Amino acid sequence: MESKEVFLEKNNIADKFHELEKINPNSWDIMTDIYEDYEQRLKDGSLRKAITGFIDEFGTPSAMHSMRYRIKSPESLIVKIIHKKCSDFTDLDYANISKDTYGKVIMDLLGARILIRHKYQWEEIHDLLWHLYFKGTEKYVRSRTRDYIGEATEPFLAERPKVFYRYEENTKCYELKGRDTFDFEKNNPGYSSNHYIINYYGTYIEVQVRTLFDEAWSENDHDFVYKLYAGNKKLVLNRTSNLLSKVAEVADELSMFMHDYYDESIFSVPNDKPESKKVISEKTEKPQNGIPESRKYDNLHSRSITSKSVGDINNLY
């Protein structure tokens, strides 16, 4: 690990860290212990084994365009801890964080991002995640340190899923199914994504589900806005990002219009073609043994998918 001065200056967190040192003069020693312990976990391959195991288990449902994953770097981990400790001094989990507890407190050491073409496809992805990992609300973590299960015999959802949305009307598609399932949080900068936390045999994985257009906005916002802290450049790029967020929203709407208009022509078939009706009826059969339709075959809504890929990116955030 770099020297304290170099690390803090490079990540523009010197002022925040000095506030922590006033409370606990041993703060840098704690950060160093966490850094070295996490670095060892990266070297032994246990984290990569967990995320690749999840990917293999989840498979390639028809609603999924692609999946990306990342393993948080040691530097990003320490920066996040410092920011979190400074933003809420009353959070005892972060206040008392150590090399023995950071794996219980930090729930996004591993991240998987599932991209979909259209907003409505959240439901197919949700059904599969729910089918595989929901083991009852009693499994939900209330206290991250106290409720952590390290020797989990099966993976499970560790938190109530969250929907981050731009505008109130974005929540309408969840009215029939998601109102009693999700927590909803409006995000002013324009972030739009569904989040799930899975305890995967003792290791937390944060799963994000969003559209391709939301992903395009998020990547730009992360690269050009998130890493800046203040100044005129931050102000201008933040306003530009807000405009790009609105463009992404319009793009999602246009994409859905194209989808709906195209499907309307598919289902408007002449009555003298029974074979067409037969195909459609086969597509709408009920799933067997509780397995979601999306695991069994590609449906008409995702007929344009030609490939599904899993890519490894190491520092999404």
Protein backbone atom coordinates (compact mmCIF):
# COMPACT_ATOMS: atom_id res chain seq x y z
CA MET A 1 0.00 0.00 0.00
CA GLU A 2 1.22 3.51 -0.77
CA SER A 3 2.24 5.94 1.94
CA LYS A 4 -0.60 7.70 3.72
CA GLU A 5 0.19 11.10 2.22
CA VAL A 6 0.36 9.81 -1.35
CA PHE A 7 -2.82 7.72 -1.03
CA LEU A 8 -4.90 10.49 0.53
CA GLU A 9 -3.71 13.15 -1.91
CA LYS A 10 -4.21 10.97 -4.97
CA ASN A 11 -7.80 10.17 -3.95
CA ASN A 12 -8.55 13.71 -2.77
CA ILE A 13 -9.66 12.56 0.69
CA ALA A 14 -6.95 14.06 2.92
CA ASP A 15 -9.31 16.50 4.66
CA LYS A 16 -11.90 13.81 5.34
CA PHE A 17 -9.34 11.38 6.71
CA HIS A 18 -7.86 13.98 9.06
CA GLU A 19 -11.35 14.28 10.58
CA LEU A 20 -11.28 10.54 11.26
CA GLU A 21 -7.85 10.78 12.85
CA LYS A 22 -9.16 13.34 15.32
CA ILE A 23 -11.63 10.69 16.52
CA ASN A 24 -9.25 7.73 16.30
CA PRO A 25 -5.51 8.35 15.87
CA ASN A 26 -5.09 4.71 14.78
CA SER A 27 -7.33 5.13 11.72
CA TRP A 28 -4.52 4.67 9.19
CA ASP A 29 -3.34 1.45 10.85
CA ILE A 30 -6.91 0.12 10.62
CA MET A 31 -7.12 1.05 6.93
CA THR A 32 -3.76 -0.62 6.27
CA ASP A 33 -4.86 -3.85 8.00
CA ILE A 34 -8.06 -3.93 5.92
CA TYR A 35 -6.15 -3.21 2.70
CA GLU A 36 -3.65 -6.02 3.30
CA ASP A 37 -6.30 -8.55 4.36
CA TYR A 38 -8.45 -7.78 1.32
CA GLU A 39 -5.43 -7.96 -0.98
CA GLN A 40 -4.78 -11.48 0.33
CA ARG A 41 -8.39 -12.48 -0.38
CA LEU A 42 -7.91 -11.31 -3.96
CA LYS A 43 -4.75 -13.38 -4.30
CA ASP A 44 -6.26 -16.59 -2.96
CA GLY A 45 -9.00 -16.48 -5.62
CA SER A 46 -11.98 -16.90 -3.26
CA LEU A 47 -13.70 -13.72 -4.42
CA ARG A 48 -13.37 -14.56 -8.10
CA LYS A 49 -14.67 -18.06 -7.38
CA ALA A 50 -17.78 -16.58 -5.73
CA ILE A 51 -18.67 -14.16 -8.54
CA THR A 52 -18.06 -16.69 -11.33
CA GLY A 53 -20.12 -19.25 -9.40
CA PHE A 54 -23.03 -16.82 -9.26
CA ILE A 55 -22.74 -16.09 -13.00
CA ASP A 56 -22.76 -19.78 -13.91
CA GLU A 57 -25.74 -20.41 -11.63
CA PHE A 58 -27.78 -17.50 -12.96
CA GLY A 59 -27.34 -18.55 -16.58
CA THR A 60 -28.50 -16.55 -19.61
CA PRO A 61 -32.24 -15.83 -19.38
CA SER A 62 -33.84 -14.54 -22.54
CA ALA A 63 -34.54 -11.08 -21.10
CA MET A 64 -30.84 -10.51 -20.42
CA HIS A 65 -28.84 -8.66 -23.05
CA SER A 66 -25.52 -9.17 -21.27
CA MET A 67 -23.88 -9.34 -17.87
CA ARG A 68 -20.76 -7.64 -16.58
CA TYR A 69 -19.01 -8.14 -13.30
CA ARG A 70 -16.32 -6.51 -11.22
CA ILE A 71 -14.32 -7.15 -8.07
CA LYS A 72 -13.68 -4.00 -6.05
CA SER A 73 -10.01 -3.02 -5.91
CA PRO A 74 -8.27 -2.60 -2.51
CA GLU A 75 -7.82 1.12 -3.18
CA SER A 76 -11.52 1.61 -4.01
CA LEU A 77 -12.44 -0.30 -0.86
CA ILE A 78 -10.41 1.99 1.43
CA VAL A 79 -11.71 5.14 -0.29
CA LYS A 80 -15.30 3.94 0.15
CA ILE A 81 -14.77 3.18 3.84
CA ILE A 82 -13.33 6.63 4.47
CA HIS A 83 -16.21 8.34 2.65
CA LYS A 84 -18.80 6.24 4.50
CA LYS A 85 -17.23 6.79 7.91
CA CYS A 86 -17.16 10.54 7.34
CA SER A 87 -20.68 10.81 5.92
CA ASP A 88 -22.35 9.19 8.94
CA PHE A 89 -20.49 9.16 12.24
CA THR A 90 -23.48 7.48 13.91
CA ASP A 91 -23.23 4.29 11.80
CA LEU A 92 -21.65 1.95 14.32
CA ASP A 93 -20.91 -0.74 11.72
CA TYR A 94 -18.65 1.69 9.87
CA ALA A 95 -17.43 3.44 13.03
CA ASN A 96 -16.03 0.16 14.37
CA ILE A 97 -15.01 -1.38 11.05
CA SER A 98 -11.86 -3.53 11.08
CA LYS A 99 -10.18 -6.27 9.09
CA ASP A 100 -12.45 -8.75 10.92
CA THR A 101 -15.71 -7.00 10.05
CA TYR A 102 -15.32 -5.19 6.70
CA GLY A 103 -16.55 -8.25 4.76
CA LYS A 104 -19.76 -8.12 6.82
CA VAL A 105 -20.25 -4.36 6.50
CA ILE A 106 -19.31 -3.76 2.84
CA MET A 107 -21.94 -5.46 0.69
CA ASP A 108 -20.57 -4.60 -2.76
CA LEU A 109 -17.08 -6.08 -2.76
CA LEU A 110 -18.42 -8.10 -5.68
CA GLY A 111 -20.78 -6.67 -8.26
CA ALA A 112 -22.74 -8.10 -11.19
CA ARG A 113 -24.54 -5.84 -13.63
CA ILE A 114 -27.34 -7.30 -15.73
CA LEU A 115 -28.27 -5.24 -18.78
CA ILE A 116 -31.69 -5.45 -20.44
CA ARG A 117 -32.98 -3.84 -23.64
CA HIS A 118 -36.37 -2.65 -22.39
CA LYS A 119 -37.59 -1.51 -18.99
CA TYR A 120 -40.42 -4.05 -18.83
CA GLN A 121 -37.84 -6.86 -18.86
CA TRP A 122 -36.99 -6.14 -15.21
CA GLU A 123 -39.81 -8.53 -14.35
CA GLU A 124 -38.28 -11.60 -15.97
CA ILE A 125 -34.92 -10.95 -14.34
CA HIS A 126 -36.58 -10.30 -11.00
CA ASP A 127 -38.62 -13.52 -11.21
CA LEU A 128 -35.45 -15.54 -11.72
CA LEU A 129 -33.51 -13.81 -8.94
CA TRP A 130 -36.50 -14.25 -6.63
CA HIS A 131 -36.89 -17.90 -7.54
CA LEU A 132 -33.21 -18.65 -6.95
CA TYR A 133 -32.42 -16.54 -3.90
CA PHE A 134 -35.45 -15.41 -1.91
CA LYS A 135 -35.51 -17.58 1.23
CA GLY A 136 -37.83 -15.46 3.36
CA THR A 137 -37.72 -11.98 4.88
CA GLU A 138 -36.25 -13.44 8.08
CA LYS A 139 -32.99 -13.73 6.15
CA TYR A 140 -32.85 -9.96 5.62
CA VAL A 141 -29.97 -8.26 7.41
CA ARG A 142 -30.90 -5.62 9.98
CA SER A 143 -27.49 -5.18 11.60
CA ARG A 144 -24.70 -5.91 9.12
CA THR A 145 -22.24 -7.02 11.77
CA ARG A 146 -24.65 -8.94 14.01
CA ASP A 147 -26.78 -10.62 11.30
CA TYR A 148 -23.98 -11.68 8.96
CA ILE A 149 -24.02 -15.41 8.07
CA GLY A 150 -20.53 -16.52 7.09
CA GLU A 151 -21.18 -20.24 6.77
CA ALA A 152 -24.28 -19.97 4.58
CA THR A 153 -25.31 -23.39 3.27
CA GLU A 154 -27.26 -21.81 0.40
CA PRO A 155 -27.23 -18.36 -1.25
CA PHE A 156 -30.04 -15.98 -0.29
CA LEU A 157 -31.29 -12.42 -0.66
CA ALA A 158 -29.86 -10.52 2.31
CA GLU A 159 -31.82 -7.29 1.86
CA ARG A 160 -35.11 -6.06 0.53
CA PRO A 161 -34.42 -5.17 -3.13
CA LYS A 162 -34.23 -1.47 -4.03
CA VAL A 163 -35.48 0.48 -7.03
CA PHE A 164 -33.62 3.72 -7.70
CA TYR A 165 -35.67 5.89 -10.06
CA ARG A 166 -35.48 9.27 -11.81
CA TYR A 167 -39.12 10.32 -11.92
CA GLU A 168 -42.24 9.20 -10.07
CA GLU A 169 -43.81 7.88 -13.28
CA ASN A 170 -40.88 5.45 -13.62
CA THR A 171 -42.36 3.44 -10.73
CA LYS A 172 -45.66 2.66 -12.48
CA CYS A 173 -44.34 -0.54 -14.02
CA TYR A 174 -43.88 -1.94 -10.48
CA GLU A 175 -47.45 -1.30 -9.30
CA LEU A 176 -48.79 -4.80 -9.95
CA LYS A 177 -45.87 -6.87 -8.68
CA GLY A 178 -43.16 -4.80 -7.05
CA ARG A 179 -44.90 -2.53 -4.56
CA ASP A 180 -44.70 -5.07 -1.75
CA THR A 181 -41.28 -6.34 -2.78
CA PHE A 182 -39.04 -3.31 -3.32
CA ASP A 183 -37.93 -0.25 -1.41
CA PHE A 184 -38.14 2.81 -3.67
CA GLU A 185 -35.64 5.65 -3.61
CA LYS A 186 -35.70 8.70 -5.84
CA ASN A 187 -32.27 9.61 -7.15
CA ASN A 188 -31.91 13.26 -8.06
CA PRO A 189 -28.80 12.99 -10.28
CA GLY A 190 -30.71 10.69 -12.65
CA TYR A 191 -29.62 7.24 -11.56
CA SER A 192 -32.01 4.44 -12.51
CA SER A 193 -31.36 0.83 -11.52
CA ASN A 194 -32.69 -2.12 -9.50
CA HIS A 195 -30.39 -3.45 -6.77
CA TYR A 196 -30.26 -6.85 -5.07
CA ILE A 197 -27.86 -7.97 -2.32
CA ILE A 198 -27.14 -11.70 -2.30
CA ASN A 199 -25.23 -13.57 0.37
CA TYR A 200 -23.50 -16.09 -1.87
CA TYR A 201 -22.19 -18.75 0.53
CA GLY A 202 -20.85 -16.10 2.91
CA THR A 203 -19.74 -13.48 0.36
CA TYR A 204 -21.98 -10.55 -0.58
CA ILE A 205 -22.71 -9.79 -4.23
CA GLU A 206 -24.53 -6.64 -5.31
CA VAL A 207 -26.60 -7.33 -8.44
CA GLN A 208 -27.72 -4.33 -10.50
CA VAL A 209 -30.36 -4.52 -13.24
CA ARG A 210 -30.74 -1.65 -15.71
CA THR A 211 -31.36 -0.87 -19.37
CA LEU A 212 -28.63 -0.32 -21.95
CA PHE A 213 -29.48 3.38 -22.08
CA ASP A 214 -29.28 3.72 -18.29
CA GLU A 215 -25.91 1.99 -18.42
CA ALA A 216 -24.62 4.40 -21.07
CA TRP A 217 -25.57 7.38 -18.90
CA SER A 218 -24.11 5.78 -15.77
CA GLU A 219 -20.75 5.05 -17.41
CA ASN A 220 -20.40 8.66 -18.54
CA ASP A 221 -21.51 10.07 -15.20
CA HIS A 222 -19.04 7.84 -13.37
CA ASP A 223 -16.10 8.69 -15.61
CA PHE A 224 -16.61 12.45 -15.90
CA VAL A 225 -18.67 13.57 -12.87
CA TYR A 226 -18.42 11.11 -9.97
CA LYS A 227 -14.66 11.41 -9.64
CA LEU A 228 -14.69 15.22 -9.49
CA TYR A 229 -15.31 16.91 -6.16
CA ALA A 230 -15.89 20.63 -6.73
CA GLY A 231 -15.25 23.60 -9.02
CA ASN A 232 -16.66 25.01 -12.24
CA LYS A 233 -15.79 21.90 -14.23
CA LYS A 234 -17.79 19.77 -11.80
CA LEU A 235 -20.77 22.15 -12.10
CA VAL A 236 -20.77 22.14 -15.92
CA LEU A 237 -20.29 18.38 -16.24
CA ASN A 238 -22.97 17.72 -13.64
CA ARG A 239 -25.50 19.78 -15.62
CA THR A 240 -24.44 18.01 -18.81
CA SER A 241 -24.91 14.66 -17.08
CA ASN A 242 -28.43 15.67 -16.04
CA LEU A 243 -29.25 16.43 -19.68
CA LEU A 244 -27.79 13.10 -20.75
CA SER A 245 -29.97 11.40 -18.14
CA LYS A 246 -33.06 12.94 -19.74
CA VAL A 247 -31.86 11.79 -23.17
CA ALA A 248 -31.48 8.25 -21.79
CA GLU A 249 -35.05 8.43 -20.47
CA VAL A 250 -36.35 9.47 -23.90
CA ALA A 251 -34.27 6.75 -25.57
CA ASP A 252 -35.87 4.14 -23.29
CA GLU A 253 -39.32 5.41 -24.23
CA LEU A 254 -38.53 5.31 -27.95
CA SER A 255 -37.13 1.83 -27.61
CA MET A 256 -40.33 0.65 -25.91
CA PHE A 257 -42.45 2.29 -28.62
CA MET A 258 -40.49 0.42 -31.31
CA HIS A 259 -40.94 -2.81 -29.35
CA ASP A 260 -44.69 -2.33 -28.89
CA TYR A 261 -45.26 -1.27 -32.48
CA TYR A 262 -43.27 -4.22 -33.81
CA ASP A 263 -45.12 -6.70 -31.59
CA GLU A 264 -48.48 -5.33 -32.67
CA SER A 265 -47.73 -6.37 -36.25
CA ILE A 266 -46.59 -9.83 -35.10
CA PHE A 267 -49.79 -10.59 -33.22
CA SER A 268 -52.09 -9.20 -35.94
CA VAL A 269 -52.08 -12.42 -37.95
CA PRO A 270 -54.89 -13.56 -40.31
CA ASN A 271 -57.37 -16.04 -38.89
CA ASP A 272 -56.63 -18.54 -41.66
CA LYS A 273 -53.13 -19.26 -40.29
CA PRO A 274 -53.68 -21.62 -37.36
CA GLU A 275 -50.00 -22.53 -37.28
CA SER A 276 -49.16 -19.01 -36.17
CA LYS A 277 -51.66 -19.25 -33.34
CA LYS A 278 -50.16 -22.54 -32.30
CA VAL A 279 -46.71 -21.01 -31.94
CA ILE A 280 -48.05 -18.19 -29.79
CA SER A 281 -50.00 -20.55 -27.54
CA GLU A 282 -46.89 -22.63 -26.97
CA LYS A 283 -45.03 -19.53 -25.89
CA THR A 284 -47.63 -18.74 -23.23
CA GLU A 285 -47.73 -22.10 -21.51
CA LYS A 286 -47.37 -21.93 -17.76
CA PRO A 287 -43.90 -22.69 -16.35
CA GLN A 288 -43.33 -26.11 -14.88
CA ASN A 289 -42.05 -26.73 -11.36
CA GLY A 290 -41.99 -23.02 -10.59
CA ILE A 291 -39.15 -22.28 -13.02
CA PRO A 292 -39.59 -18.85 -14.68
CA GLU A 293 -40.31 -18.81 -18.40
CA SER A 294 -37.11 -16.87 -19.00
CA ARG A 295 -34.98 -19.92 -18.10
CA LYS A 296 -36.72 -22.22 -20.61
CA TYR A 297 -36.59 -20.50 -23.97
CA ASP A 298 -36.23 -17.19 -25.75
CA ASN A 299 -39.56 -15.41 -26.05
CA LEU A 300 -40.84 -13.03 -28.69
CA HIS A 301 -39.91 -9.99 -26.62
CA SER A 302 -36.23 -10.82 -26.89
CA ARG A 303 -36.07 -12.38 -30.34
CA SER A 304 -33.40 -9.92 -31.47
CA ILE A 305 -30.86 -11.24 -28.98
CA THR A 306 -28.10 -12.94 -30.93
CA SER A 307 -25.53 -13.39 -28.19
CA LYS A 308 -25.04 -12.99 -24.49
CA SER A 309 -21.68 -12.12 -23.06
CA VAL A 310 -20.07 -11.90 -19.66
CA GLY A 311 -17.28 -9.38 -19.42
CA ASP A 312 -14.84 -8.72 -16.59
CA ILE A 313 -14.35 -5.09 -15.60
CA ASN A 314 -12.50 -4.29 -12.46
CA ASN A 315 -13.34 -0.75 -11.38
CA LEU A 316 -16.88 0.21 -12.28
CA TYR A 317 -17.10 2.29 -9.13
